[in-house]
């Protein structure tokens, strides 16, 4: 009986929607944290780290 999903469609639907919700929450958290971390006054400013790499 390859290809028959007798009753498993609901479980598959719940798992896919749940995984999608987890990914959505992860992307929203990353988007929320991205603004304070980037820029000249961020956690690791790009200009400082770039000049630090040149001196090494």
N, C-alpha and C. Protein backbone atom coordinates (compact mmCIF):
# COMPACT_ATOMS: atom_id res chain seq x y z
N UNK A 1 0.82 -1.19 0.00
CA UNK A 1 0.00 0.00 0.00
C UNK A 1 0.87 1.25 0.00
N UNK A 2 1.72 1.37 -0.94
CA UNK A 2 2.56 2.55 -1.06
C UNK A 2 1.70 3.70 -1.59
N UNK A 3 1.82 4.85 -0.95
CA UNK A 3 1.10 6.02 -1.41
C UNK A 3 -0.20 6.27 -0.67
N UNK A 4 -0.67 5.35 0.13
CA UNK A 4 -1.90 5.60 0.87
C UNK A 4 -1.55 6.17 2.24
N UNK A 5 -2.29 7.19 2.63
CA UNK A 5 -2.03 7.85 3.92
C UNK A 5 -3.31 7.80 4.76
N UNK A 6 -3.70 6.64 5.11
CA UNK A 6 -4.94 6.42 5.85
C UNK A 6 -4.88 7.06 7.23
N UNK A 7 -5.36 8.27 7.33
CA UNK A 7 -5.45 8.92 8.63
C UNK A 7 -4.23 9.71 9.05
N UNK A 8 -3.16 9.65 8.28
CA UNK A 8 -1.94 10.36 8.67
C UNK A 8 -1.91 11.80 8.18
N UNK A 9 -2.86 12.21 7.38
CA UNK A 9 -2.85 13.56 6.82
C UNK A 9 -2.98 14.62 7.91
N UNK A 10 -3.75 14.32 8.95
CA UNK A 10 -3.95 15.31 10.02
C UNK A 10 -2.68 15.48 10.84
N UNK A 11 -2.01 14.40 11.16
CA UNK A 11 -0.75 14.47 11.91
C UNK A 11 0.30 15.20 11.09
N UNK A 12 0.38 14.88 9.79
CA UNK A 12 1.33 15.55 8.91
C UNK A 12 1.04 17.04 8.84
N UNK A 13 -0.23 17.41 8.77
CA UNK A 13 -0.62 18.82 8.74
C UNK A 13 -0.19 19.53 10.02
N UNK A 14 -0.42 18.91 11.17
CA UNK A 14 -0.02 19.51 12.44
C UNK A 14 1.49 19.67 12.55
N UNK A 15 2.24 18.66 12.12
CA UNK A 15 3.69 18.73 12.20
C UNK A 15 4.24 19.81 11.27
N UNK A 16 3.71 19.91 10.06
CA UNK A 16 4.19 20.92 9.13
C UNK A 16 3.86 22.32 9.60
N UNK A 17 2.65 22.51 10.12
CA UNK A 17 2.27 23.84 10.62
C UNK A 17 3.07 24.20 11.87
N UNK A 18 3.32 23.23 12.72
CA UNK A 18 4.12 23.48 13.91
C UNK A 18 5.55 23.84 13.58
N UNK A 19 6.14 23.13 12.63
CA UNK A 19 7.50 23.44 12.21
C UNK A 19 7.57 24.80 11.54
N UNK A 20 6.56 25.13 10.75
CA UNK A 20 6.50 26.46 10.14
C UNK A 20 6.40 27.55 11.18
N UNK A 21 5.64 27.32 12.23
CA UNK A 21 5.51 28.30 13.32
C UNK A 21 6.83 28.49 14.06
N UNK A 22 7.55 27.40 14.27
CA UNK A 22 8.85 27.49 14.94
C UNK A 22 9.84 28.29 14.09
N UNK A 23 9.86 28.03 12.78
CA UNK A 23 10.74 28.78 11.89
C UNK A 23 10.35 30.26 11.85
N UNK A 24 9.05 30.54 11.81
CA UNK A 24 8.59 31.93 11.80
C UNK A 24 9.02 32.65 13.07
N UNK A 25 8.89 32.01 14.21
CA UNK A 25 9.32 32.63 15.47
C UNK A 25 10.82 32.87 15.47
N UNK A 26 11.59 31.93 14.94
CA UNK A 26 13.04 32.10 14.88
C UNK A 26 13.43 33.28 14.00
N UNK A 27 12.80 33.42 12.83
CA UNK A 27 13.11 34.52 11.95
C UNK A 27 12.69 35.86 12.55
N UNK A 28 11.56 35.89 13.26
CA UNK A 28 11.12 37.14 13.89
C UNK A 28 12.07 37.55 15.01
N UNK A 29 12.57 36.60 15.77
CA UNK A 29 13.54 36.90 16.83
C UNK A 29 14.83 37.41 16.21
N UNK A 30 15.29 36.77 15.14
CA UNK A 30 16.52 37.22 14.47
C UNK A 30 16.35 38.61 13.89
N UNK A 31 15.19 38.90 13.32
CA UNK A 31 14.92 40.22 12.78
C UNK A 31 14.89 41.27 13.88
N UNK A 32 14.34 40.92 15.02
CA UNK A 32 14.27 41.84 16.15
C UNK A 32 15.66 42.12 16.72
N UNK A 33 16.54 41.14 16.71
CA UNK A 33 17.87 41.31 17.28
C UNK A 33 18.87 41.89 16.29
N UNK A 34 18.53 41.90 15.01
CA UNK A 34 19.48 42.35 14.00
C UNK A 34 19.75 43.85 14.09
N UNK A 35 18.74 44.64 14.32
CA UNK A 35 18.91 46.09 14.34
C UNK A 35 19.89 46.56 15.43
N UNK A 36 19.78 46.11 16.67
CA UNK A 36 20.76 46.56 17.67
C UNK A 36 22.17 46.03 17.44
N UNK A 37 22.31 44.93 16.74
CA UNK A 37 23.64 44.32 16.56
C UNK A 37 24.41 44.88 15.38
N UNK A 38 23.74 45.51 14.43
CA UNK A 38 24.45 46.00 13.25
C UNK A 38 24.65 47.51 13.34
N UNK A 39 25.47 48.01 12.49
CA UNK A 39 25.71 49.44 12.43
C UNK A 39 27.01 49.84 13.12
N UNK A 40 27.28 51.15 13.14
CA UNK A 40 28.52 51.65 13.73
C UNK A 40 28.53 51.54 15.25
N UNK A 41 27.37 51.53 15.86
CA UNK A 41 27.29 51.44 17.32
C UNK A 41 26.79 50.08 17.78
N UNK A 42 26.97 49.08 16.96
CA UNK A 42 26.49 47.74 17.26
C UNK A 42 27.40 47.01 18.24
N UNK A 43 27.11 45.75 18.41
CA UNK A 43 27.88 44.93 19.33
C UNK A 43 29.34 44.81 18.89
N UNK A 44 29.54 44.56 17.62
CA UNK A 44 30.89 44.50 17.06
C UNK A 44 30.88 45.37 15.80
N UNK A 45 31.21 46.64 15.94
CA UNK A 45 31.16 47.52 14.77
C UNK A 45 32.04 47.03 13.64
N UNK A 46 31.55 47.18 12.44
CA UNK A 46 32.25 46.65 11.27
C UNK A 46 33.58 47.36 11.05
N UNK A 47 33.63 48.67 11.28
CA UNK A 47 34.88 49.39 11.04
C UNK A 47 35.97 48.96 12.02
N UNK A 48 35.61 48.76 13.27
CA UNK A 48 36.60 48.33 14.26
C UNK A 48 37.10 46.93 13.97
N UNK A 49 36.21 46.04 13.65
CA UNK A 49 36.64 44.66 13.38
C UNK A 49 37.43 44.59 12.08
N UNK A 50 37.11 45.42 11.10
CA UNK A 50 37.82 45.42 9.83
C UNK A 50 39.26 45.91 10.04
N UNK A 51 39.42 46.97 10.83
CA UNK A 51 40.76 47.48 11.10
C UNK A 51 41.55 46.52 11.97
N UNK A 52 40.87 45.82 12.86
CA UNK A 52 41.53 44.82 13.70
C UNK A 52 42.07 43.67 12.88
N UNK A 53 41.37 43.30 11.85
CA UNK A 53 41.82 42.20 10.99
C UNK A 53 43.05 42.61 10.19
N UNK A 54 43.10 43.86 9.76
CA UNK A 54 44.25 44.34 8.99
C UNK A 54 45.52 44.35 9.83
N UNK A 55 45.42 44.65 11.11
CA UNK A 55 46.62 44.72 11.95
C UNK A 55 47.14 43.34 12.34
N UNK A 56 46.29 42.32 12.24
CA UNK A 56 46.75 40.98 12.59
C UNK A 56 47.57 40.48 11.46
